[in-house]
Amino acid sequence: MTDLTEAADALRRQHPIYRNRNTGVTWQVEQSTGDTVWLRDIVGHTQQRLLNELDNSETWERVA
């Protein structure tokens, strides 16, 4: 594994990526505080969600 690959893997662990199954929009966790997470999509929109909401596999799929 290259240093770049290892760095990308570390970043994904720190800032996981989720896809909303209902909308198809992909979101990256930008910040996590307690039981709240801030998500950012590709165009820069942000959302605040509860961490346990992302565990709902009917709505959210972790892709990275």
N, C-alpha and C. Protein backbone atom coordinates (compact mmCIF):
# COMPACT_ATOMS: atom_id res chain seq x y z
N MET A 1 0.84 -1.17 0.00
CA MET A 1 0.00 0.00 0.00
C MET A 1 0.88 1.24 0.00
N THR A 2 0.50 2.23 -0.79
CA THR A 2 1.28 3.46 -0.85
C THR A 2 0.91 4.39 0.29
N ASP A 3 1.76 5.37 0.53
CA ASP A 3 1.47 6.36 1.57
C ASP A 3 0.18 7.11 1.26
N LEU A 4 -0.06 7.40 -0.02
CA LEU A 4 -1.27 8.13 -0.42
C LEU A 4 -2.52 7.29 -0.15
N THR A 5 -2.47 6.01 -0.43
CA THR A 5 -3.60 5.12 -0.16
C THR A 5 -3.87 5.03 1.33
N GLU A 6 -2.82 4.92 2.10
CA GLU A 6 -2.97 4.85 3.56
C GLU A 6 -3.56 6.15 4.10
N ALA A 7 -3.14 7.28 3.56
CA ALA A 7 -3.68 8.57 4.00
C ALA A 7 -5.17 8.68 3.64
N ALA A 8 -5.55 8.21 2.45
CA ALA A 8 -6.95 8.25 2.04
C ALA A 8 -7.80 7.35 2.93
N ASP A 9 -7.29 6.18 3.27
CA ASP A 9 -8.01 5.27 4.16
C ASP A 9 -8.20 5.88 5.55
N ALA A 10 -7.18 6.54 6.05
CA ALA A 10 -7.27 7.19 7.37
C ALA A 10 -8.30 8.30 7.34
N LEU A 11 -8.35 9.06 6.25
CA LEU A 11 -9.31 10.15 6.12
C LEU A 11 -10.74 9.61 6.09
N ARG A 12 -10.96 8.50 5.37
CA ARG A 12 -12.30 7.90 5.29
C ARG A 12 -12.75 7.39 6.66
N ARG A 13 -11.82 6.85 7.43
CA ARG A 13 -12.19 6.39 8.78
C ARG A 13 -12.58 7.57 9.65
N GLN A 14 -11.90 8.68 9.48
CA GLN A 14 -12.17 9.86 10.30
C GLN A 14 -13.41 10.60 9.81
N HIS A 15 -13.65 10.62 8.50
CA HIS A 15 -14.78 11.32 7.89
C HIS A 15 -15.51 10.37 6.94
N PRO A 16 -16.32 9.46 7.49
CA PRO A 16 -16.99 8.47 6.64
C PRO A 16 -17.96 9.12 5.66
N ILE A 17 -18.28 8.37 4.61
CA ILE A 17 -19.17 8.84 3.56
C ILE A 17 -20.42 7.97 3.56
N TYR A 18 -21.59 8.63 3.51
CA TYR A 18 -22.87 7.94 3.52
C TYR A 18 -23.69 8.37 2.31
N ARG A 19 -24.52 7.47 1.81
CA ARG A 19 -25.46 7.80 0.74
C ARG A 19 -26.87 7.66 1.30
N ASN A 20 -27.68 8.70 1.07
CA ASN A 20 -29.07 8.64 1.47
C ASN A 20 -29.81 7.81 0.42
N ARG A 21 -30.38 6.69 0.83
CA ARG A 21 -31.04 5.79 -0.11
C ARG A 21 -32.30 6.41 -0.73
N ASN A 22 -32.95 7.32 -0.03
CA ASN A 22 -34.17 7.93 -0.54
C ASN A 22 -33.90 8.96 -1.63
N THR A 23 -32.81 9.72 -1.49
CA THR A 23 -32.52 10.80 -2.43
C THR A 23 -31.37 10.49 -3.38
N GLY A 24 -30.52 9.54 -3.00
CA GLY A 24 -29.34 9.23 -3.80
C GLY A 24 -28.19 10.19 -3.59
N VAL A 25 -28.34 11.15 -2.69
CA VAL A 25 -27.29 12.14 -2.43
C VAL A 25 -26.25 11.54 -1.50
N THR A 26 -24.98 11.79 -1.82
CA THR A 26 -23.86 11.30 -1.02
C THR A 26 -23.39 12.42 -0.09
N TRP A 27 -23.19 12.06 1.17
CA TRP A 27 -22.79 13.02 2.21
C TRP A 27 -21.54 12.52 2.90
N GLN A 28 -20.66 13.45 3.27
CA GLN A 28 -19.48 13.11 4.06
C GLN A 28 -19.61 13.74 5.43
N VAL A 29 -19.25 12.95 6.45
CA VAL A 29 -19.26 13.47 7.82
C VAL A 29 -18.12 14.48 7.93
N GLU A 30 -18.46 15.71 8.23
CA GLU A 30 -17.46 16.77 8.37
C GLU A 30 -17.02 16.94 9.83
N GLN A 31 -17.99 16.79 10.73
CA GLN A 31 -17.68 16.99 12.14
C GLN A 31 -18.65 16.16 12.97
N SER A 32 -18.16 15.65 14.07
CA SER A 32 -18.98 14.85 14.97
C SER A 32 -18.76 15.36 16.39
N THR A 33 -19.86 15.70 17.06
CA THR A 33 -19.77 16.14 18.45
C THR A 33 -20.85 15.43 19.24
N GLY A 34 -20.42 14.58 20.16
CA GLY A 34 -21.38 13.83 20.96
C GLY A 34 -22.23 12.93 20.09
N ASP A 35 -23.56 13.13 20.13
CA ASP A 35 -24.45 12.29 19.33
C ASP A 35 -24.93 13.01 18.07
N THR A 36 -24.27 14.13 17.70
CA THR A 36 -24.64 14.91 16.53
C THR A 36 -23.52 14.92 15.51
N VAL A 37 -23.88 14.82 14.22
CA VAL A 37 -22.90 14.90 13.14
C VAL A 37 -23.33 15.97 12.15
N TRP A 38 -22.34 16.62 11.55
CA TRP A 38 -22.57 17.55 10.46
C TRP A 38 -22.16 16.87 9.17
N LEU A 39 -23.07 16.86 8.19
CA LEU A 39 -22.83 16.24 6.90
C LEU A 39 -22.70 17.32 5.84
N ARG A 40 -21.85 17.08 4.82
CA ARG A 40 -21.69 18.01 3.70
C ARG A 40 -21.79 17.21 2.41
N ASP A 41 -22.58 17.73 1.45
CA ASP A 41 -22.68 17.05 0.16
C ASP A 41 -21.68 17.64 -0.82
N ILE A 42 -21.69 17.15 -2.04
CA ILE A 42 -20.69 17.52 -3.05
C ILE A 42 -20.73 19.01 -3.40
N VAL A 43 -21.90 19.64 -3.32
CA VAL A 43 -22.00 21.05 -3.69
C VAL A 43 -21.88 21.98 -2.49
N GLY A 44 -21.67 21.42 -1.29
CA GLY A 44 -21.41 22.25 -0.13
C GLY A 44 -22.57 22.45 0.82
N HIS A 45 -23.73 21.86 0.52
CA HIS A 45 -24.85 21.95 1.45
C HIS A 45 -24.52 21.16 2.70
N THR A 46 -24.96 21.64 3.85
CA THR A 46 -24.71 20.94 5.09
C THR A 46 -26.02 20.57 5.77
N GLN A 47 -25.96 19.52 6.55
CA GLN A 47 -27.09 19.05 7.35
C GLN A 47 -26.57 18.61 8.70
N GLN A 48 -27.40 18.78 9.70
CA GLN A 48 -27.07 18.27 11.02
C GLN A 48 -27.99 17.07 11.26
N ARG A 49 -27.42 15.96 11.68
CA ARG A 49 -28.17 14.73 11.95
C ARG A 49 -27.72 14.13 13.27
N LEU A 50 -28.59 13.33 13.85
CA LEU A 50 -28.19 12.54 15.01
C LEU A 50 -27.42 11.33 14.52
N LEU A 51 -26.40 10.96 15.25
CA LEU A 51 -25.55 9.85 14.87
C LEU A 51 -26.34 8.56 14.70
N ASN A 52 -27.32 8.33 15.56
CA ASN A 52 -28.09 7.09 15.45
C ASN A 52 -28.98 7.05 14.20
N GLU A 53 -29.27 8.21 13.58
CA GLU A 53 -30.02 8.23 12.32
C GLU A 53 -29.22 7.55 11.21
N LEU A 54 -27.91 7.71 11.22
CA LEU A 54 -27.07 7.12 10.18
C LEU A 54 -27.00 5.60 10.30
N ASP A 55 -27.39 5.05 11.45
CA ASP A 55 -27.42 3.60 11.64
C ASP A 55 -28.64 2.95 10.99
N ASN A 56 -29.62 3.75 10.55
CA ASN A 56 -30.82 3.24 9.91
C ASN A 56 -30.48 2.79 8.48
N SER A 57 -30.33 1.49 8.28
CA SER A 57 -29.88 0.98 6.98
C SER A 57 -30.96 1.10 5.90
N GLU A 58 -32.20 1.38 6.26
CA GLU A 58 -33.24 1.60 5.26
C GLU A 58 -33.09 2.97 4.61
N THR A 59 -32.48 3.91 5.31
CA THR A 59 -32.34 5.27 4.80
C THR A 59 -30.90 5.59 4.43
N TRP A 60 -29.92 5.12 5.20
CA TRP A 60 -28.53 5.49 5.00
C TRP A 60 -27.67 4.28 4.69
N GLU A 61 -26.75 4.44 3.75
CA GLU A 61 -25.80 3.39 3.40
C GLU A 61 -24.39 3.97 3.50
N ARG A 62 -23.56 3.33 4.31
CA ARG A 62 -22.16 3.79 4.41
C ARG A 62 -21.40 3.26 3.20
N VAL A 63 -20.82 4.17 2.43
CA VAL A 63 -20.13 3.76 1.20
C VAL A 63 -18.62 3.84 1.33
N ALA A 64 -18.11 4.52 2.32
CA ALA A 64 -16.66 4.58 2.54
C ALA A 64 -16.39 5.02 3.97
